[in-house]
Amino acid sequence: MYPLPLEQHGTYPIEILGTSVLVVSVVLTIAWLVYLYR
């Protein structure tokens, strides 16, 4: 998942960023579905 060995040093911030992006995308998707089928 991390092709560059250099990225292992910044694994923690990268995982936080990825998790926050995933949560935001899921929330936006749910909100969009609720808006569509309201």
PDB file of N, CA and C in Angstrom:
ATOM      1  N   MET A   1       0.836  -1.201   0.000  1.00  0.00           N
ATOM      2  CA  MET A   1       0.000   0.000   0.000  1.00  0.00           C
ATOM      3  C   MET A   1       0.871   1.251   0.000  1.00  0.00           C
ATOM      4  N   TYR A   2       2.046   1.158   0.631  1.00  0.00           N
ATOM      5  CA  TYR A   2       2.982   2.281   0.639  1.00  0.00           C
ATOM      6  C   TYR A   2       4.198   1.903  -0.207  1.00  0.00           C
ATOM      7  N   PRO A   3       4.223   2.328  -1.478  1.00  0.00           N
ATOM      8  CA  PRO A   3       5.295   1.917  -2.391  1.00  0.00           C
ATOM      9  C   PRO A   3       6.653   2.479  -1.997  1.00  0.00           C
ATOM     10  N   LEU A   4       6.678   3.656  -1.385  1.00  0.00           N
ATOM     11  CA  LEU A   4       7.947   4.275  -1.018  1.00  0.00           C
ATOM     12  C   LEU A   4       8.256   4.004   0.450  1.00  0.00           C
ATOM     13  N   PRO A   5       9.465   3.517   0.764  1.00  0.00           N
ATOM     14  CA  PRO A   5       9.860   3.293   2.168  1.00  0.00           C
ATOM     15  C   PRO A   5       9.814   4.588   2.973  1.00  0.00           C
ATOM     16  N   LEU A   6       9.992   5.709   2.296  1.00  0.00           N
ATOM     17  CA  LEU A   6      10.003   7.002   2.980  1.00  0.00           C
ATOM     18  C   LEU A   6       8.642   7.288   3.620  1.00  0.00           C
ATOM     19  N   GLU A   7       7.587   6.750   3.021  1.00  0.00           N
ATOM     20  CA  GLU A   7       6.245   7.045   3.515  1.00  0.00           C
ATOM     21  C   GLU A   7       5.951   6.340   4.829  1.00  0.00           C
ATOM     22  N   GLN A   8       6.746   5.330   5.189  1.00  0.00           N
ATOM     23  CA  GLN A   8       6.502   4.611   6.440  1.00  0.00           C
ATOM     24  C   GLN A   8       6.673   5.545   7.638  1.00  0.00           C
ATOM     25  N   HIS A   9       7.519   6.557   7.493  1.00  0.00           N
ATOM     26  CA  HIS A   9       7.724   7.495   8.594  1.00  0.00           C
ATOM     27  C   HIS A   9       6.463   8.317   8.827  1.00  0.00           C
ATOM     28  N   GLY A  10       5.697   8.585   7.779  1.00  0.00           N
ATOM     29  CA  GLY A  10       4.488   9.402   7.902  1.00  0.00           C
ATOM     30  C   GLY A  10       3.234   8.564   7.749  1.00  0.00           C
ATOM     31  N   THR A  11       3.293   7.326   8.236  1.00  0.00           N
ATOM     32  CA  THR A  11       2.138   6.444   8.090  1.00  0.00           C
ATOM     33  C   THR A  11       0.960   6.951   8.921  1.00  0.00           C
ATOM     34  N   TYR A  12       1.230   7.462  10.093  1.00  0.00           N
ATOM     35  CA  TYR A  12       0.158   7.887  10.999  1.00  0.00           C
ATOM     36  C   TYR A  12      -0.681   9.024  10.408  1.00  0.00           C
ATOM     37  N   PRO A  13      -0.050  10.128   9.962  1.00  0.00           N
ATOM     38  CA  PRO A  13      -0.845  11.211   9.358  1.00  0.00           C
ATOM     39  C   PRO A  13      -1.549  10.749   8.085  1.00  0.00           C
ATOM     40  N   ILE A  14      -0.898   9.884   7.297  1.00  0.00           N
ATOM     41  CA  ILE A  14      -1.519   9.413   6.059  1.00  0.00           C
ATOM     42  C   ILE A  14      -2.773   8.601   6.375  1.00  0.00           C
ATOM     43  N   GLU A  15      -2.709   7.774   7.415  1.00  0.00           N
ATOM     44  CA  GLU A  15      -3.879   6.971   7.774  1.00  0.00           C
ATOM     45  C   GLU A  15      -5.008   7.856   8.292  1.00  0.00           C
ATOM     46  N   ILE A  16      -4.664   8.890   9.059  1.00  0.00           N
ATOM     47  CA  ILE A  16      -5.691   9.816   9.550  1.00  0.00           C
ATOM     48  C   ILE A  16      -6.357  10.518   8.370  1.00  0.00           C
ATOM     49  N   LEU A  17      -5.535  10.971   7.410  1.00  0.00           N
ATOM     50  CA  LEU A  17      -6.075  11.664   6.237  1.00  0.00           C
ATOM     51  C   LEU A  17      -6.984  10.730   5.450  1.00  0.00           C
ATOM     52  N   GLY A  18      -6.523   9.496   5.233  1.00  0.00           N
ATOM     53  CA  GLY A  18      -7.331   8.541   4.480  1.00  0.00           C
ATOM     54  C   GLY A  18      -8.636   8.217   5.187  1.00  0.00           C
ATOM     55  N   THR A  19      -8.569   8.069   6.511  1.00  0.00           N
ATOM     56  CA  THR A  19      -9.773   7.755   7.274  1.00  0.00           C
ATOM     57  C   THR A  19     -10.760   8.915   7.231  1.00  0.00           C
ATOM     58  N   SER A  20     -10.258  10.157   7.374  1.00  0.00           N
ATOM     59  CA  SER A  20     -11.143  11.319   7.351  1.00  0.00           C
ATOM     60  C   SER A  20     -11.788  11.465   5.978  1.00  0.00           C
ATOM     61  N   VAL A  21     -11.001  11.226   4.921  1.00  0.00           N
ATOM     62  CA  VAL A  21     -11.556  11.319   3.560  1.00  0.00           C
ATOM     63  C   VAL A  21     -12.630  10.253   3.356  1.00  0.00           C
ATOM     64  N   LEU A  22     -12.377   9.054   3.876  1.00  0.00           N
ATOM     65  CA  LEU A  22     -13.351   7.966   3.748  1.00  0.00           C
ATOM     66  C   LEU A  22     -14.642   8.306   4.492  1.00  0.00           C
ATOM     67  N   VAL A  23     -14.512   8.827   5.709  1.00  0.00           N
ATOM     68  CA  VAL A  23     -15.691   9.180   6.507  1.00  0.00           C
ATOM     69  C   VAL A  23     -16.489  10.277   5.813  1.00  0.00           C
ATOM     70  N   VAL A  24     -15.785  11.298   5.297  1.00  0.00           N
ATOM     71  CA  VAL A  24     -16.468  12.410   4.617  1.00  0.00           C
ATOM     72  C   VAL A  24     -17.208  11.902   3.383  1.00  0.00           C
ATOM     73  N   SER A  25     -16.565  11.024   2.620  1.00  0.00           N
ATOM     74  CA  SER A  25     -17.205  10.516   1.400  1.00  0.00           C
ATOM     75  C   SER A  25     -18.446   9.694   1.747  1.00  0.00           C
ATOM     76  N   VAL A  26     -18.354   8.882   2.814  1.00  0.00           N
ATOM     77  CA  VAL A  26     -19.507   8.077   3.230  1.00  0.00           C
ATOM     78  C   VAL A  26     -20.644   8.977   3.693  1.00  0.00           C
ATOM     79  N   VAL A  27     -20.322  10.000   4.469  1.00  0.00           N
ATOM     80  CA  VAL A  27     -21.357  10.915   4.967  1.00  0.00           C
ATOM     81  C   VAL A  27     -22.019  11.647   3.805  1.00  0.00           C
ATOM     82  N   LEU A  28     -21.211  12.102   2.847  1.00  0.00           N
ATOM     83  CA  LEU A  28     -21.768  12.807   1.691  1.00  0.00           C
ATOM     84  C   LEU A  28     -22.658  11.876   0.869  1.00  0.00           C
ATOM     85  N   THR A  29     -22.242  10.623   0.728  1.00  0.00           N
ATOM     86  CA  THR A  29     -23.050   9.662  -0.032  1.00  0.00           C
ATOM     87  C   THR A  29     -24.389   9.415   0.656  1.00  0.00           C
ATOM     88  N   ILE A  30     -24.364   9.240   1.973  1.00  0.00           N
ATOM     89  CA  ILE A  30     -25.605   9.006   2.719  1.00  0.00           C
ATOM     90  C   ILE A  30     -26.514  10.235   2.628  1.00  0.00           C
ATOM     91  N   ALA A  31     -25.932  11.418   2.783  1.00  0.00           N
ATOM     92  CA  ALA A  31     -26.726  12.645   2.707  1.00  0.00           C
ATOM     93  C   ALA A  31     -27.343  12.794   1.315  1.00  0.00           C
ATOM     94  N   TRP A  32     -26.588  12.423   0.270  1.00  0.00           N
ATOM     95  CA  TRP A  32     -27.083  12.522  -1.104  1.00  0.00           C
ATOM     96  C   TRP A  32     -28.252  11.564  -1.325  1.00  0.00           C
ATOM     97  N   LEU A  33     -28.126  10.333  -0.783  1.00  0.00           N
ATOM     98  CA  LEU A  33     -29.202   9.352  -0.930  1.00  0.00           C
ATOM     99  C   LEU A  33     -30.452   9.812  -0.182  1.00  0.00           C
ATOM    100  N   VAL A  34     -30.262  10.354   1.021  1.00  0.00           N
ATOM    101  CA  VAL A  34     -31.407  10.851   1.793  1.00  0.00           C
ATOM    102  C   VAL A  34     -32.079  11.993   1.044  1.00  0.00           C
ATOM    103  N   TYR A  35     -31.278  12.859   0.417  1.00  0.00           N
ATOM    104  CA  TYR A  35     -31.822  13.988  -0.340  1.00  0.00           C
ATOM    105  C   TYR A  35     -32.603  13.498  -1.561  1.00  0.00           C
ATOM    106  N   LEU A  36     -32.101  12.431  -2.197  1.00  0.00           N
ATOM    107  CA  LEU A  36     -32.765  11.917  -3.397  1.00  0.00           C
ATOM    108  C   LEU A  36     -34.102  11.267  -3.057  1.00  0.00           C
ATOM    109  N   TYR A  37     -34.127  10.464  -1.992  1.00  0.00           N
ATOM    110  CA  TYR A  37     -35.324   9.670  -1.694  1.00  0.00           C
ATOM    111  C   TYR A  37     -36.196  10.320  -0.625  1.00  0.00           C
ATOM    112  N   ARG A  38     -36.004  11.598  -0.414  1.00  0.00           N
ATOM    113  CA  ARG A  38     -36.803  12.281   0.593  1.00  0.00           C
ATOM    114  C   ARG A  38     -38.237  12.441   0.074  1.00  0.00           C
TER     115      ARG A  38
END
